[in-house]
Amino acid sequence: GIPVTREELQPGDLVFFRDTNYSTKAASHVGIYIGNSQFIHA
C-alpha cells in the first residue's frame, strides 16, 4: 500500500508500531485501524 500519517488514517488501514529495540526498517507489531483513534490487533 501507500503510507499515511496518523492524522490521515481511515478504517481499514494497517497501523504499524516499532519498539525501540527494532531497526528503523522493521516493524514490531501491526494492527487494523477501526476509527476514532482505535485499532484492532492480536
Full PDB file with SEQRES, HELIX, SHEET, SSBOND, CRYST1, ORIGX, SCALE, CONECT and MASTER records, all heavy atoms in Angstrom:
SEQRES   1 A   42  GLY ILE PRO VAL THR ARG GLU GLU LEU GLN PRO GLY ASP          
SEQRES   2 A   42  LEU VAL PHE PHE ARG ASP THR ASN TYR SER THR LYS ALA          
SEQRES   3 A   42  ALA SER HIS VAL GLY ILE TYR ILE GLY ASN SER GLN PHE          
SEQRES   4 A   42  ILE HIS ALA                                                  
HELIX    1 AA1 ARG A    6  GLU A    8  5                                   3    
SHEET    1 AA1 2 LEU A  14  PHE A  17  0                                        
SHEET    2 AA1 2 HIS A  29  GLY A  35 -1                                        
CRYST1    1.000    1.000    1.000  90.00  90.00  90.00 P 1           1          
ORIGX1      1.000000  0.000000  0.000000        0.00000                         
ORIGX2      0.000000  1.000000  0.000000        0.00000                         
ORIGX3      0.000000  0.000000  1.000000        0.00000                         
SCALE1      1.000000  0.000000  0.000000        0.00000                         
SCALE2      0.000000  1.000000  0.000000        0.00000                         
SCALE3      0.000000  0.000000  1.000000        0.00000                         
ATOM      1  N   GLY A   1       0.799  -1.220   0.000  1.00  0.00           N  
ATOM      2  CA  GLY A   1       0.000   0.000   0.000  1.00  0.00           C  
ATOM      3  C   GLY A   1       0.830   1.267   0.000  1.00  0.00           C  
ATOM      4  O   GLY A   1       2.000   1.277  -0.380  1.00  0.00           O  
ATOM      5  N   ILE A   2       0.183   2.342   0.439  1.00  0.00           N  
ATOM      6  CA  ILE A   2       0.826   3.651   0.482  1.00  0.00           C  
ATOM      7  C   ILE A   2       0.851   4.155   1.928  1.00  0.00           C  
ATOM      8  O   ILE A   2      -0.048   3.862   2.705  1.00  0.00           O  
ATOM      9  CB  ILE A   2       0.106   4.682  -0.431  1.00  0.00           C  
ATOM     10  CG1 ILE A   2      -1.354   4.848   0.001  1.00  0.00           C  
ATOM     11  CG2 ILE A   2       0.191   4.276  -1.891  1.00  0.00           C  
ATOM     12  CD1 ILE A   2      -2.074   6.005  -0.668  1.00  0.00           C  
ATOM     13  N   PRO A   3       1.900   4.902   2.295  1.00  0.00           N  
ATOM     14  CA  PRO A   3       1.984   5.383   3.673  1.00  0.00           C  
ATOM     15  C   PRO A   3       0.951   6.471   3.952  1.00  0.00           C  
ATOM     16  O   PRO A   3       0.647   7.289   3.078  1.00  0.00           O  
ATOM     17  CB  PRO A   3       3.401   5.936   3.771  1.00  0.00           C  
ATOM     18  CG  PRO A   3       3.803   6.253   2.376  1.00  0.00           C  
ATOM     19  CD  PRO A   3       3.040   5.317   1.486  1.00  0.00           C  
ATOM     20  N   VAL A   4       0.419   6.469   5.164  1.00  0.00           N  
ATOM     21  CA  VAL A   4      -0.474   7.532   5.631  1.00  0.00           C  
ATOM     22  C   VAL A   4      -0.059   7.918   7.048  1.00  0.00           C  
ATOM     23  O   VAL A   4       0.394   7.074   7.824  1.00  0.00           O  
ATOM     24  CB  VAL A   4      -1.972   7.132   5.591  1.00  0.00           C  
ATOM     25  CG1 VAL A   4      -2.449   6.958   4.159  1.00  0.00           C  
ATOM     26  CG2 VAL A   4      -2.243   5.874   6.385  1.00  0.00           C  
ATOM     27  N   THR A   5      -0.208   9.189   7.361  1.00  0.00           N  
ATOM     28  CA  THR A   5       0.115   9.665   8.708  1.00  0.00           C  
ATOM     29  C   THR A   5      -1.011   9.286   9.669  1.00  0.00           C  
ATOM     30  O   THR A   5      -2.104   8.890   9.241  1.00  0.00           O  
ATOM     31  CB  THR A   5       0.263  11.193   8.731  1.00  0.00           C  
ATOM     32  OG1 THR A   5      -1.007  11.780   8.443  1.00  0.00           O  
ATOM     33  CG2 THR A   5       1.311  11.667   7.727  1.00  0.00           C  
ATOM     34  N   ARG A   6      -0.740   9.451  10.924  1.00  0.00           N  
ATOM     35  CA  ARG A   6      -1.761   9.158  11.940  1.00  0.00           C  
ATOM     36  C   ARG A   6      -3.018  10.003  11.709  1.00  0.00           C  
ATOM     37  O   ARG A   6      -4.127   9.518  11.874  1.00  0.00           O  
ATOM     38  CB  ARG A   6      -1.177   9.414  13.332  1.00  0.00           C  
ATOM     39  CG  ARG A   6      -2.122   9.024  14.421  1.00  0.00           C  
ATOM     40  CD  ARG A   6      -1.472   9.063  15.765  1.00  0.00           C  
ATOM     41  NE  ARG A   6      -2.508   8.971  16.773  1.00  0.00           N  
ATOM     42  CZ  ARG A   6      -2.300   8.939  18.042  1.00  0.00           C  
ATOM     43  NH1 ARG A   6      -1.078   8.976  18.509  1.00  0.00           N  
ATOM     44  NH2 ARG A   6      -3.297   8.861  18.886  1.00  0.00           N  
ATOM     45  N   GLU A   7      -2.831  11.232  11.302  1.00  0.00           N  
ATOM     46  CA  GLU A   7      -3.967  12.125  11.058  1.00  0.00           C  
ATOM     47  C   GLU A   7      -4.779  11.721   9.826  1.00  0.00           C  
ATOM     48  O   GLU A   7      -5.951  12.063   9.718  1.00  0.00           O  
ATOM     49  CB  GLU A   7      -3.475  13.578  10.902  1.00  0.00           C  
ATOM     50  CG  GLU A   7      -2.857  14.167  12.151  1.00  0.00           C  
ATOM     51  CD  GLU A   7      -1.454  13.619  12.454  1.00  0.00           C  
ATOM     52  OE1 GLU A   7      -0.706  13.242  11.522  1.00  0.00           O  
ATOM     53  OE2 GLU A   7      -1.129  13.549  13.648  1.00  0.00           O  
ATOM     54  N   GLU A   8      -4.174  10.998   8.912  1.00  0.00           N  
ATOM     55  CA  GLU A   8      -4.838  10.581   7.678  1.00  0.00           C  
ATOM     56  C   GLU A   8      -5.490   9.205   7.766  1.00  0.00           C  
ATOM     57  O   GLU A   8      -6.138   8.770   6.817  1.00  0.00           O  
ATOM     58  CB  GLU A   8      -3.825  10.547   6.522  1.00  0.00           C  
ATOM     59  CG  GLU A   8      -3.217  11.889   6.187  1.00  0.00           C  
ATOM     60  CD  GLU A   8      -2.046  11.767   5.221  1.00  0.00           C  
ATOM     61  OE1 GLU A   8      -1.237  10.818   5.337  1.00  0.00           O  
ATOM     62  OE2 GLU A   8      -1.945  12.641   4.336  1.00  0.00           O  
ATOM     63  N   LEU A   9      -5.318   8.508   8.873  1.00  0.00           N  
ATOM     64  CA  LEU A   9      -5.830   7.138   8.987  1.00  0.00           C  
ATOM     65  C   LEU A   9      -7.330   7.055   8.733  1.00  0.00           C  
ATOM     66  O   LEU A   9      -8.095   7.916   9.180  1.00  0.00           O  
ATOM     67  CB  LEU A   9      -5.532   6.573  10.381  1.00  0.00           C  
ATOM     68  CG  LEU A   9      -4.093   6.201  10.668  1.00  0.00           C  
ATOM     69  CD1 LEU A   9      -3.913   5.877  12.153  1.00  0.00           C  
ATOM     70  CD2 LEU A   9      -3.646   5.030   9.798  1.00  0.00           C  
ATOM     71  N   GLN A  10      -7.711   5.994   8.033  1.00  0.00           N  
ATOM     72  CA  GLN A  10      -9.109   5.674   7.784  1.00  0.00           C  
ATOM     73  C   GLN A  10      -9.346   4.221   8.181  1.00  0.00           C  
ATOM     74  O   GLN A  10      -8.422   3.400   8.139  1.00  0.00           O  
ATOM     75  CB  GLN A  10      -9.456   5.858   6.304  1.00  0.00           C  
ATOM     76  CG  GLN A  10      -9.358   7.281   5.819  1.00  0.00           C  
ATOM     77  CD  GLN A  10      -9.667   7.387   4.329  1.00  0.00           C  
ATOM     78  OE1 GLN A  10     -10.072   6.428   3.681  1.00  0.00           O  
ATOM     79  NE2 GLN A  10      -9.462   8.572   3.787  1.00  0.00           N  
ATOM     80  N   PRO A  11     -10.584   3.884   8.584  1.00  0.00           N  
ATOM     81  CA  PRO A  11     -10.868   2.492   8.928  1.00  0.00           C  
ATOM     82  C   PRO A  11     -10.419   1.541   7.819  1.00  0.00           C  
ATOM     83  O   PRO A  11     -10.650   1.791   6.638  1.00  0.00           O  
ATOM     84  CB  PRO A  11     -12.385   2.479   9.110  1.00  0.00           C  
ATOM     85  CG  PRO A  11     -12.696   3.873   9.570  1.00  0.00           C  
ATOM     86  CD  PRO A  11     -11.756   4.749   8.776  1.00  0.00           C  
ATOM     87  N   GLY A  12      -9.737   0.490   8.227  1.00  0.00           N  
ATOM     88  CA  GLY A  12      -9.213  -0.494   7.281  1.00  0.00           C  
ATOM     89  C   GLY A  12      -7.738  -0.328   6.980  1.00  0.00           C  
ATOM     90  O   GLY A  12      -7.122  -1.239   6.425  1.00  0.00           O  
ATOM     91  N   ASP A  13      -7.154   0.815   7.348  1.00  0.00           N  
ATOM     92  CA  ASP A  13      -5.714   0.998   7.154  1.00  0.00           C  
ATOM     93  C   ASP A  13      -4.952   0.121   8.136  1.00  0.00           C  
ATOM     94  O   ASP A  13      -5.394  -0.112   9.268  1.00  0.00           O  
ATOM     95  CB  ASP A  13      -5.308   2.459   7.393  1.00  0.00           C  
ATOM     96  CG  ASP A  13      -5.774   3.405   6.308  1.00  0.00           C  
ATOM     97  OD1 ASP A  13      -6.142   2.941   5.205  1.00  0.00           O  
ATOM     98  OD2 ASP A  13      -5.778   4.632   6.567  1.00  0.00           O  
ATOM     99  N   LEU A  14      -3.801  -0.354   7.699  1.00  0.00           N  
ATOM    100  CA  LEU A  14      -2.898  -1.052   8.611  1.00  0.00           C  
ATOM    101  C   LEU A  14      -2.167  -0.022   9.457  1.00  0.00           C  
ATOM    102  O   LEU A  14      -1.813   1.057   8.961  1.00  0.00           O  
ATOM    103  CB  LEU A  14      -1.880  -1.891   7.834  1.00  0.00           C  
ATOM    104  CG  LEU A  14      -2.425  -3.091   7.074  1.00  0.00           C  
ATOM    105  CD1 LEU A  14      -1.326  -3.710   6.206  1.00  0.00           C  
ATOM    106  CD2 LEU A  14      -2.987  -4.136   8.028  1.00  0.00           C  
ATOM    107  N   VAL A  15      -1.942  -0.326  10.728  1.00  0.00           N  
ATOM    108  CA  VAL A  15      -1.158   0.549  11.603  1.00  0.00           C  
ATOM    109  C   VAL A  15       0.044  -0.244  12.111  1.00  0.00           C  
ATOM    110  O   VAL A  15      -0.088  -1.399  12.501  1.00  0.00           O  
ATOM    111  CB  VAL A  15      -1.991   1.116  12.773  1.00  0.00           C  
ATOM    112  CG1 VAL A  15      -2.963   2.172  12.268  1.00  0.00           C  
ATOM    113  CG2 VAL A  15      -2.740   0.031  13.528  1.00  0.00           C  
ATOM    114  N   PHE A  16       1.198   0.392  12.081  1.00  0.00           N  
ATOM    115  CA  PHE A  16       2.455  -0.272  12.423  1.00  0.00           C  
ATOM    116  C   PHE A  16       3.113   0.392  13.618  1.00  0.00           C  
ATOM    117  O   PHE A  16       3.039   1.606  13.789  1.00  0.00           O  
ATOM    118  CB  PHE A  16       3.416  -0.239  11.228  1.00  0.00           C  
ATOM    119  CG  PHE A  16       2.950  -1.077  10.076  1.00  0.00           C  
ATOM    120  CD1 PHE A  16       2.154  -0.532   9.085  1.00  0.00           C  
ATOM    121  CD2 PHE A  16       3.289  -2.416  10.000  1.00  0.00           C  
ATOM    122  CE1 PHE A  16       1.701  -1.304   8.031  1.00  0.00           C  
ATOM    123  CE2 PHE A  16       2.846  -3.202   8.949  1.00  0.00           C  
ATOM    124  CZ  PHE A  16       2.050  -2.641   7.960  1.00  0.00           C  
ATOM    125  N   PHE A  17       3.800  -0.443  14.380  1.00  0.00           N  
ATOM    126  CA  PHE A  17       4.459   0.000  15.593  1.00  0.00           C  
ATOM    127  C   PHE A  17       5.882  -0.536  15.597  1.00  0.00           C  
ATOM    128  O   PHE A  17       6.165  -1.581  15.013  1.00  0.00           O  
ATOM    129  CB  PHE A  17       3.703  -0.522  16.821  1.00  0.00           C  
ATOM    130  CG  PHE A  17       2.259  -0.114  16.813  1.00  0.00           C  
ATOM    131  CD1 PHE A  17       1.305  -0.902  16.188  1.00  0.00           C  
ATOM    132  CD2 PHE A  17       1.853   1.069  17.409  1.00  0.00           C  
ATOM    133  CE1 PHE A  17      -0.035  -0.527  16.147  1.00  0.00           C  
ATOM    134  CE2 PHE A  17       0.521   1.461  17.380  1.00  0.00           C  
ATOM    135  CZ  PHE A  17      -0.417   0.660  16.752  1.00  0.00           C  
ATOM    136  N   ARG A  18       6.775   0.196  16.284  1.00  0.00           N  
ATOM    137  CA  ARG A  18       8.167  -0.221  16.355  1.00  0.00           C  
ATOM    138  C   ARG A  18       8.680   0.033  17.773  1.00  0.00           C  
ATOM    139  O   ARG A  18       8.766   1.173  18.217  1.00  0.00           O  
ATOM    140  CB  ARG A  18       9.017   0.568  15.379  1.00  0.00           C  
ATOM    141  CG  ARG A  18      10.476   0.143  15.363  1.00  0.00           C  
ATOM    142  CD  ARG A  18      11.329   0.944  14.392  1.00  0.00           C  
ATOM    143  NE  ARG A  18      10.820   0.880  13.046  1.00  0.00           N  
ATOM    144  CZ  ARG A  18      10.452   1.955  12.325  1.00  0.00           C  
ATOM    145  NH1 ARG A  18      10.552   3.152  12.835  1.00  0.00           N  
ATOM    146  NH2 ARG A  18       9.997   1.809  11.108  1.00  0.00           N  
ATOM    147  N   ASP A  19       9.010  -1.034  18.473  1.00  0.00           N  
ATOM    148  CA  ASP A  19       9.668  -0.905  19.769  1.00  0.00           C  
ATOM    149  C   ASP A  19      11.075  -0.390  19.558  1.00  0.00           C  
ATOM    150  O   ASP A  19      11.652  -0.543  18.485  1.00  0.00           O  
ATOM    151  CB  ASP A  19       9.723  -2.255  20.491  1.00  0.00           C  
ATOM    152  CG  ASP A  19       8.359  -2.688  21.007  1.00  0.00           C  
ATOM    153  OD1 ASP A  19       7.568  -1.810  21.386  1.00  0.00           O  
ATOM    154  OD2 ASP A  19       8.088  -3.896  21.030  1.00  0.00           O  
ATOM    155  N   THR A  20      11.651   0.167  20.594  1.00  0.00           N  
ATOM    156  CA  THR A  20      12.984   0.770  20.469  1.00  0.00           C  
ATOM    157  C   THR A  20      14.074  -0.235  20.131  1.00  0.00           C  
ATOM    158  O   THR A  20      15.118   0.149  19.627  1.00  0.00           O  
ATOM    159  CB  THR A  20      13.362   1.507  21.764  1.00  0.00           C  
ATOM    160  OG1 THR A  20      13.246   0.596  22.854  1.00  0.00           O  
ATOM    161  CG2 THR A  20      12.463   2.699  21.993  1.00  0.00           C  
ATOM    162  N   ASN A  21      13.845  -1.512  20.384  1.00  0.00           N  
ATOM    163  CA  ASN A  21      14.892  -2.496  20.082  1.00  0.00           C  
ATOM    164  C   ASN A  21      14.815  -3.014  18.643  1.00  0.00           C  
ATOM    165  O   ASN A  21      15.541  -3.915  18.278  1.00  0.00           O  
ATOM    166  CB  ASN A  21      14.839  -3.669  21.070  1.00  0.00           C  
ATOM    167  CG  ASN A  21      13.519  -4.411  21.038  1.00  0.00           C  
ATOM    168  OD1 ASN A  21      12.507  -3.852  20.631  1.00  0.00           O  
ATOM    169  ND2 ASN A  21      13.506  -5.649  21.474  1.00  0.00           N  
ATOM    170  N   TYR A  22      13.949  -2.439  17.818  1.00  0.00           N  
ATOM    171  CA  TYR A  22      13.849  -2.846  16.412  1.00  0.00           C  
ATOM    172  C   TYR A  22      14.582  -1.839  15.535  1.00  0.00           C  
ATOM    173  O   TYR A  22      14.670  -0.665  15.864  1.00  0.00           O  
ATOM    174  CB  TYR A  22      12.381  -2.922  15.975  1.00  0.00           C  
ATOM    175  CG  TYR A  22      11.729  -4.235  16.316  1.00  0.00           C  
ATOM    176  CD1 TYR A  22      11.370  -4.531  17.620  1.00  0.00           C  
ATOM    177  CD2 TYR A  22      11.495  -5.192  15.343  1.00  0.00           C  
ATOM    178  CE1 TYR A  22      10.790  -5.741  17.952  1.00  0.00           C  
ATOM    179  CE2 TYR A  22      10.915  -6.410  15.659  1.00  0.00           C  
ATOM    180  CZ  TYR A  22      10.562  -6.669  16.962  1.00  0.00           C  
ATOM    181  OH  TYR A  22      10.003  -7.868  17.267  1.00  0.00           O  
ATOM    182  N   SER A  23      15.062  -2.312  14.392  1.00  0.00           N  
ATOM    183  CA  SER A  23      15.756  -1.410  13.475  1.00  0.00           C  
ATOM    184  C   SER A  23      14.766  -0.420  12.877  1.00  0.00           C  
ATOM    185  O   SER A  23      13.558  -0.604  12.957  1.00  0.00           O  
ATOM    186  CB  SER A  23      16.412  -2.215  12.348  1.00  0.00           C  
ATOM    187  OG  SER A  23      15.453  -2.570  11.369  1.00  0.00           O  
ATOM    188  N   THR A  24      15.281   0.607  12.259  1.00  0.00           N  
ATOM    189  CA  THR A  24      14.420   1.630  11.670  1.00  0.00           C  
ATOM    190  C   THR A  24      13.654   1.122  10.464  1.00  0.00           C  
ATOM    191  O   THR A  24      12.735   1.766   9.999  1.00  0.00           O  
ATOM    192  CB  THR A  24      15.238   2.869  11.263  1.00  0.00           C  
ATOM    193  OG1 THR A  24      16.248   2.460  10.342  1.00  0.00           O  
ATOM    194  CG2 THR A  24      15.859   3.544  12.456  1.00  0.00           C  
ATOM    195  N   LYS A  25      14.019  -0.047   9.945  1.00  0.00           N  
ATOM    196  CA  LYS A  25      13.329  -0.598   8.780  1.00  0.00           C  
ATOM    197  C   LYS A  25      12.431  -1.771   9.150  1.00  0.00           C  
ATOM    198  O   LYS A  25      11.932  -2.457   8.274  1.00  0.00           O  
ATOM    199  CB  LYS A  25      14.343  -1.013   7.721  1.00  0.00           C  
ATOM    200  CG  LYS A  25      15.100   0.175   7.168  1.00  0.00           C  
ATOM    201  CD  LYS A  25      16.031  -0.222   6.067  1.00  0.00           C  
ATOM    202  CE  LYS A  25      16.746   1.026   5.575  1.00  0.00           C  
ATOM    203  NZ  LYS A  25      17.564   0.797   4.442  1.00  0.00           N  
ATOM    204  N   ALA A  26      12.228  -1.999  10.436  1.00  0.00           N  
ATOM    205  CA  ALA A  26      11.431  -3.138  10.876  1.00  0.00           C  
ATOM    206  C   ALA A  26      10.222  -2.668  11.677  1.00  0.00           C  
ATOM    207  O   ALA A  26      10.238  -1.593  12.267  1.00  0.00           O  
ATOM    208  CB  ALA A  26      12.283  -4.077  11.721  1.00  0.00           C  
ATOM    209  N   ALA A  27       9.195  -3.469  11.665  1.00  0.00           N  
ATOM    210  CA  ALA A  27       8.019  -3.226  12.495  1.00  0.00           C  
ATOM    211  C   ALA A  27       7.944  -4.324  13.547  1.00  0.00           C  
ATOM    212  O   ALA A  27       8.183  -5.493  13.250  1.00  0.00           O  
ATOM    213  CB  ALA A  27       6.753  -3.226  11.641  1.00  0.00           C  
ATOM    214  N   SER A  28       7.609  -3.956  14.763  1.00  0.00           N  
ATOM    215  CA  SER A  28       7.469  -4.953  15.814  1.00  0.00           C  
ATOM    216  C   SER A  28       6.026  -5.415  15.972  1.00  0.00           C  
ATOM    217  O   SER A  28       5.773  -6.438  16.600  1.00  0.00           O  
ATOM    218  CB  SER A  28       7.970  -4.390  17.148  1.00  0.00           C  
ATOM    219  OG  SER A  28       7.258  -3.217  17.500  1.00  0.00           O  
ATOM    220  N   HIS A  29       5.071  -4.674  15.373  1.00  0.00           N  
ATOM    221  CA  HIS A  29       3.662  -5.013  15.562  1.00  0.00           C  
ATOM    222  C   HIS A  29       2.825  -4.363  14.460  1.00  0.00           C  
ATOM    223  O   HIS A  29       3.180  -3.320  13.930  1.00  0.00           O  
ATOM    224  CB  HIS A  29       3.204  -4.517  16.936  1.00  0.00           C  
ATOM    225  CG  HIS A  29       1.891  -5.057  17.366  1.00  0.00           C  
ATOM    226  ND1 HIS A  29       1.671  -6.400  17.583  1.00  0.00           N  
ATOM    227  CD2 HIS A  29       0.712  -4.439  17.624  1.00  0.00           C  
ATOM    228  CE1 HIS A  29       0.402  -6.576  17.967  1.00  0.00           C  
ATOM    229  NE2 HIS A  29      -0.193  -5.406  17.990  1.00  0.00           N  
ATOM    230  N   VAL A  30       1.677  -4.989  14.158  1.00  0.00           N  
ATOM    231  CA  VAL A  30       0.756  -4.452  13.162  1.00  0.00           C  
ATOM    232  C   VAL A  30      -0.682  -4.709  13.631  1.00  0.00           C  
ATOM    233  O   VAL A  30      -0.961  -5.703  14.301  1.00  0.00           O  
ATOM    234  CB  VAL A  30       1.002  -5.071  11.758  1.00  0.00           C  
ATOM    235  CG1 VAL A  30       0.797  -6.582  11.764  1.00  0.00           C  
ATOM    236  CG2 VAL A  30       0.140  -4.403  10.695  1.00  0.00           C  
ATOM    237  N   GLY A  31      -1.560  -3.783  13.288  1.00  0.00           N  
ATOM    238  CA  GLY A  31      -2.980  -3.927  13.580  1.00  0.00           C  
ATOM    239  C   GLY A  31      -3.791  -3.266  12.473  1.00  0.00           C  
ATOM    240  O   GLY A  31      -3.233  -2.815  11.466  1.00  0.00           O  
ATOM    241  N   ILE A  32      -5.097  -3.184  12.678  1.00  0.00           N  
ATOM    242  CA  ILE A  32      -6.006  -2.585  11.691  1.00  0.00           C  
ATOM    243  C   ILE A  32      -6.736  -1.422  12.351  1.00  0.00           C  
ATOM    244  O   ILE A  32      -7.383  -1.595  13.397  1.00  0.00           O  
ATOM    245  CB  ILE A  32      -7.022  -3.621  11.165  1.00  0.00           C  
ATOM    246  CG1 ILE A  32      -6.307  -4.806  10.526  1.00  0.00           C  
ATOM    247  CG2 ILE A  32      -7.996  -2.964  10.173  1.00  0.00           C  
ATOM    248  CD1 ILE A  32      -7.224  -5.999  10.236  1.00  0.00           C  
ATOM    249  N   TYR A  33      -6.630  -0.252  11.740  1.00  0.00           N  
ATOM    250  CA  TYR A  33      -7.306   0.925  12.269  1.00  0.00           C  
ATOM    251  C   TYR A  33      -8.814   0.770  12.081  1.00  0.00           C  
ATOM    252  O   TYR A  33      -9.279   0.378  11.011  1.00  0.00           O  
ATOM    253  CB  TYR A  33      -6.807   2.181  11.545  1.00  0.00           C  
ATOM    254  CG  TYR A  33      -7.338   3.456  12.134  1.00  0.00           C  
ATOM    255  CD1 TYR A  33      -6.901   3.891  13.392  1.00  0.00           C  
ATOM    256  CD2 TYR A  33      -8.271   4.222  11.452  1.00  0.00           C  
ATOM    257  CE1 TYR A  33      -7.384   5.070  13.940  1.00  0.00           C  
ATOM    258  CE2 TYR A  33      -8.756   5.399  11.996  1.00  0.00           C  
ATOM    259  CZ  TYR A  33      -8.314   5.810  13.244  1.00  0.00           C  
ATOM    260  OH  TYR A  33      -8.804   6.977  13.786  1.00  0.00           O  
ATOM    261  N   ILE A  34      -9.593   1.067  13.144  1.00  0.00           N  
ATOM    262  CA  ILE A  34     -11.050   0.914  13.055  1.00  0.00           C  
ATOM    263  C   ILE A  34     -11.789   2.235  13.237  1.00  0.00           C  
ATOM    264  O   ILE A  34     -13.011   2.264  13.264  1.00  0.00           O  
ATOM    265  CB  ILE A  34     -11.575  -0.142  14.060  1.00  0.00           C  
ATOM    266  CG1 ILE A  34     -11.298   0.262  15.500  1.00  0.00           C  
ATOM    267  CG2 ILE A  34     -10.981  -1.517  13.737  1.00  0.00           C  
ATOM    268  CD1 ILE A  34     -11.985  -0.646  16.529  1.00  0.00           C  
ATOM    269  N   GLY A  35     -11.050   3.336  13.347  1.00  0.00           N  
ATOM    270  CA  GLY A  35     -11.668   4.644  13.503  1.00  0.00           C  
ATOM    271  C   GLY A  35     -11.619   5.118  14.945  1.00  0.00           C  
ATOM    272  O   GLY A  35     -11.365   4.354  15.874  1.00  0.00           O  
ATOM    273  N   ASN A  36     -11.850   6.418  15.118  1.00  0.00           N  
ATOM    274  CA  ASN A  36     -11.942   7.002  16.457  1.00  0.00           C  
ATOM    275  C   ASN A  36     -10.681   6.749  17.290  1.00  0.00           C  
ATOM    276  O   ASN A  36     -10.776   6.487  18.490  1.00  0.00           O  
ATOM    277  CB  ASN A  36     -13.181   6.456  17.159  1.00  0.00           C  
ATOM    278  CG  ASN A  36     -13.806   7.478  18.076  1.00  0.00           C  
ATOM    279  OD1 ASN A  36     -13.609   8.664  17.898  1.00  0.00           O  
ATOM    280  ND2 ASN A  36     -14.554   7.009  19.044  1.00  0.00           N  
ATOM    281  N   SER A  37      -9.523   6.790  16.643  1.00  0.00           N  
ATOM    282  CA  SER A  37      -8.224   6.554  17.279  1.00  0.00           C  
ATOM    283  C   SER A  37      -8.071   5.155  17.863  1.00  0.00           C  
ATOM    284  O   SER A  37      -7.241   4.927  18.741  1.00  0.00           O  
ATOM    285  CB  SER A  37      -7.937   7.603  18.367  1.00  0.00           C  
ATOM    286  OG  SER A  37      -7.803   8.872  17.790  1.00  0.00           O  
ATOM    287  N   GLN A  38      -8.846   4.195  17.390  1.00  0.00           N  
ATOM    288  CA  GLN A  38      -8.765   2.822  17.881  1.00  0.00           C  
ATOM    289  C   GLN A  38      -8.283   1.885  16.782  1.00  0.00           C  
ATOM    290  O   GLN A  38      -8.494   2.141  15.599  1.00  0.00           O  
ATOM    291  CB  GLN A  38     -10.116   2.346  18.389  1.00  0.00           C  
ATOM    292  CG  GLN A  38     -10.611   3.107  19.603  1.00  0.00           C  
ATOM    293  CD  GLN A  38     -11.909   2.529  20.118  1.00  0.00           C  
ATOM    294  OE1 GLN A  38     -12.814   2.233  19.349  1.00  0.00           O  
ATOM    295  NE2 GLN A  38     -11.992   2.367  21.427  1.00  0.00           N  
ATOM    296  N   PHE A  39      -7.672   0.793  17.217  1.00  0.00           N  
ATOM    297  CA  PHE A  39      -7.237  -0.234  16.285  1.00  0.00           C  
ATOM    298  C   PHE A  39      -7.486  -1.594  16.909  1.00  0.00           C  
ATOM    299  O   PHE A  39      -7.551  -1.746  18.133  1.00  0.00           O  
ATOM    300  CB  PHE A  39      -5.768  -0.058  15.887  1.00  0.00           C  
ATOM    301  CG  PHE A  39      -4.781  -0.271  16.999  1.00  0.00           C  
ATOM    302  CD1 PHE A  39      -4.055  -1.452  17.091  1.00  0.00           C  
ATOM    303  CD2 PHE A  39      -4.562   0.709  17.960  1.00  0.00           C  
ATOM    304  CE1 PHE A  39      -3.149  -1.650  18.106  1.00  0.00           C  
ATOM    305  CE2 PHE A  39      -3.652   0.526  18.988  1.00  0.00           C  
ATOM    306  CZ  PHE A  39      -2.948  -0.662  19.061  1.00  0.00           C  
ATOM    307  N   ILE A  40      -7.631  -2.596  16.050  1.00  0.00           N  
ATOM    308  CA  ILE A  40      -7.839  -3.975  16.483  1.00  0.00           C  
ATOM    309  C   ILE A  40      -6.608  -4.768  16.097  1.00  0.00           C  
ATOM    310  O   ILE A  40      -6.026  -4.556  15.024  1.00  0.00           O  
ATOM    311  CB  ILE A  40      -9.145  -4.544  15.872  1.00  0.00           C  
ATOM    312  CG1 ILE A  40      -9.505  -5.899  16.494  1.00  0.00           C  
ATOM    313  CG2 ILE A  40      -9.080  -4.609  14.355  1.00  0.00           C  
ATOM    314  CD1 ILE A  40     -10.931  -6.349  16.162  1.00  0.00           C  
ATOM    315  N   HIS A  41      -6.199  -5.677  17.004  1.00  0.00           N  
ATOM    316  CA  HIS A  41      -4.951  -6.409  16.767  1.00  0.00           C  
ATOM    317  C   HIS A  41      -4.903  -7.660  17.627  1.00  0.00           C  
ATOM    318  O   HIS A  41      -5.630  -7.783  18.611  1.00  0.00           O  
ATOM    319  CB  HIS A  41      -3.744  -5.516  17.067  1.00  0.00           C  
ATOM    320  CG  HIS A  41      -3.684  -5.016  18.487  1.00  0.00           C  
ATOM    321  ND1 HIS A  41      -2.519  -4.940  19.192  1.00  0.00           N  
ATOM    322  CD2 HIS A  41      -4.635  -4.556  19.337  1.00  0.00           C  
ATOM    323  CE1 HIS A  41      -2.748  -4.464  20.401  1.00  0.00           C  
ATOM    324  NE2 HIS A  41      -4.031  -4.217  20.512  1.00  0.00           N  
ATOM    325  N   ALA A  42      -4.038  -8.579  17.225  1.00  0.00           N  
ATOM    326  CA  ALA A  42      -3.732  -9.746  18.052  1.00  0.00           C  
ATOM    327  C   ALA A  42      -2.558  -9.346  18.932  1.00  0.00           C  
ATOM    328  O   ALA A  42      -1.459  -9.107  18.443  1.00  0.00           O  
ATOM    329  CB  ALA A  42      -3.384 -10.958  17.184  1.00  0.00           C  
TER     330      ALA A  42                                                      
MASTER        0    0    0    1    2    0    0    6  329    1    0    4          
END                                                                             
